[in-house]
Amino acid sequence: QVQFVESGGGLVQPGGSLRLSCAASGFAFSYSAMSWYRQAPGKERELVAAIRSRSINTNYADSVKGRFTISRDNAKNTVYLQMNDLKPEDTGVYYCNSGFIQPSYEHWGQGTQVTVSS
C-alpha cells in the first residue's frame, strides 16, 4: 500500500535551516510528481512545494519562494525539502504526498514537526 515516511524536522531558531526527507513506497514514484504540505496549528493543510517526476518543473507557495528548495532522488524513492531562512510562520507539521497541484492519495504519513522559535 501507499506509504509516506517523513523525517528531518526539529526545533530551529529564526534564520536557521532544516532539510526534510520523505521516503515513499507503494506506487510508481519515478513517474509521479511529488509535493510537500504543511499544517500549522489551527489551520488547514497547505501546499508548500511540488516537483514533477523528472524535476523539470517545480512549484512553490509564495510564502516560501526563494527560501525553500524541493528536490528528489528517484533511485531512492525520496523527496527532499531544503528550508533556509526559516521564520516562525513556517512552524507546523510537514507532510509529503504524490501530485503537483493536489494530493494524489487520501493516505498521509505521520508528518514531521518543524518548530521555528527563539
Protein backbone atom coordinates (compact mmCIF):
# COMPACT_ATOMS: atom_id res chain seq x y z
CA GLN A 1 0.00 0.00 0.00
CA VAL A 2 1.00 3.64 -0.36
CA GLN A 3 3.29 4.81 2.39
CA PHE A 4 5.00 8.12 3.19
CA VAL A 5 7.64 8.40 5.91
CA GLU A 6 8.71 11.96 6.68
CA SER A 7 11.75 12.89 8.75
CA GLY A 8 14.20 15.70 9.47
CA GLY A 9 12.05 18.11 11.44
CA GLY A 10 13.03 19.75 14.69
CA LEU A 11 13.36 22.95 16.67
CA VAL A 12 15.33 25.70 14.98
CA GLN A 13 15.88 29.40 15.60
CA PRO A 14 14.62 32.01 13.13
CA GLY A 15 17.04 32.27 10.22
CA GLY A 16 18.10 28.66 10.59
CA SER A 17 17.86 25.75 8.16
CA LEU A 18 16.45 22.25 8.05
CA ARG A 19 16.34 19.53 5.42
CA LEU A 20 13.29 17.30 5.36
CA SER A 21 13.16 13.88 3.73
CA CYS A 22 10.22 11.76 2.65
CA ALA A 23 10.61 8.11 1.71
CA ALA A 24 7.69 6.93 -0.43
CA SER A 25 6.58 3.45 -1.45
CA GLY A 26 3.62 1.56 -2.89
CA PHE A 27 3.30 3.45 -6.17
CA ALA A 28 5.38 4.36 -9.24
CA PHE A 29 7.47 7.05 -7.57
CA SER A 30 9.74 7.86 -10.50
CA TYR A 31 6.72 8.58 -12.72
CA SER A 32 4.89 10.66 -10.13
CA ALA A 33 5.01 14.31 -9.21
CA MET A 34 5.68 14.80 -5.51
CA SER A 35 4.79 17.57 -3.13
CA TRP A 36 5.27 18.86 0.39
CA TYR A 37 2.44 20.20 2.51
CA ARG A 38 2.35 21.74 5.95
CA GLN A 39 -0.29 22.22 8.57
CA ALA A 40 0.09 24.96 11.14
CA PRO A 41 -1.82 24.81 14.42
CA GLY A 42 -5.46 25.71 13.86
CA LYS A 43 -5.05 25.98 10.09
CA GLU A 44 -5.77 23.79 7.11
CA ARG A 45 -3.08 21.82 5.37
CA GLU A 46 -1.47 23.85 2.57
CA LEU A 47 0.74 23.08 -0.40
CA VAL A 48 4.30 24.28 0.14
CA ALA A 49 6.26 22.91 -2.82
CA ALA A 50 5.89 20.43 -5.67
CA ILE A 51 8.16 18.82 -8.23
CA ARG A 52 7.46 16.95 -11.46
CA SER A 53 8.64 13.38 -11.96
CA ARG A 54 11.85 14.31 -13.79
CA SER A 55 12.48 17.50 -11.79
CA ILE A 56 11.76 19.63 -14.87
CA ASN A 57 9.19 21.81 -13.14
CA THR A 58 8.78 22.95 -9.58
CA ASN A 59 6.11 25.00 -7.85
CA TYR A 60 6.29 26.91 -4.58
CA ALA A 61 3.89 28.74 -2.34
CA ASP A 62 4.57 32.48 -2.46
CA SER A 63 5.43 32.46 1.24
CA VAL A 64 8.43 30.14 0.74
CA LYS A 65 9.76 31.20 -2.68
CA GLY A 66 13.47 31.92 -2.56
CA ARG A 67 13.87 30.16 0.81
CA PHE A 68 12.76 26.56 0.21
CA THR A 69 14.00 24.12 -2.44
CA ILE A 70 12.32 20.84 -3.33
CA SER A 71 14.34 18.04 -4.91
CA ARG A 72 14.08 14.31 -5.42
CA ASP A 73 16.14 11.16 -5.85
CA ASN A 74 14.19 8.68 -7.96
CA ALA A 75 16.73 5.94 -7.27
CA LYS A 76 15.91 6.21 -3.56
CA ASN A 77 12.17 6.95 -3.90
CA THR A 78 12.81 10.01 -1.76
CA VAL A 79 11.81 13.65 -1.99
CA TYR A 80 13.55 16.41 -0.03
CA LEU A 81 12.72 19.90 1.15
CA GLN A 82 15.65 22.20 1.93
CA MET A 83 14.38 25.02 4.10
CA ASN A 84 16.56 28.09 4.65
CA ASP A 85 15.98 31.38 6.45
CA LEU A 86 13.21 29.81 8.47
CA LYS A 87 10.59 32.05 10.04
CA PRO A 88 8.21 31.45 12.97
CA GLU A 89 5.32 31.26 10.48
CA ASP A 90 6.97 28.17 8.94
CA THR A 91 6.11 26.25 12.10
CA GLY A 92 3.88 23.26 11.52
CA VAL A 93 3.74 19.58 10.67
CA TYR A 94 5.17 18.85 7.24
CA TYR A 95 3.83 16.04 5.08
CA CYS A 96 4.58 14.71 1.63
CA ASN A 97 2.25 13.19 -0.93
CA SER A 98 2.19 12.43 -4.63
CA GLY A 99 0.78 15.03 -7.02
CA PHE A 100 1.66 18.51 -8.30
CA ILE A 101 -1.44 20.64 -7.64
CA GLN A 102 -3.35 18.49 -5.18
CA PRO A 103 -2.57 15.29 -3.25
CA SER A 104 -2.95 12.07 -5.18
CA TYR A 105 -3.69 9.91 -2.16
CA GLU A 106 -6.01 10.25 0.78
CA HIS A 107 -3.49 8.42 2.93
CA TRP A 108 -0.92 10.60 4.70
CA GLY A 109 2.16 9.77 6.71
CA GLN A 110 2.77 10.82 10.29
CA GLY A 111 4.47 14.01 9.20
CA THR A 112 7.48 15.70 10.76
CA GLN A 113 7.20 18.62 13.18
CA VAL A 114 9.05 21.84 12.38
CA THR A 115 9.17 24.47 15.08
CA VAL A 116 10.82 27.83 14.45
CA SER A 117 11.29 29.73 17.66
CA SER A 118 13.89 31.69 19.57
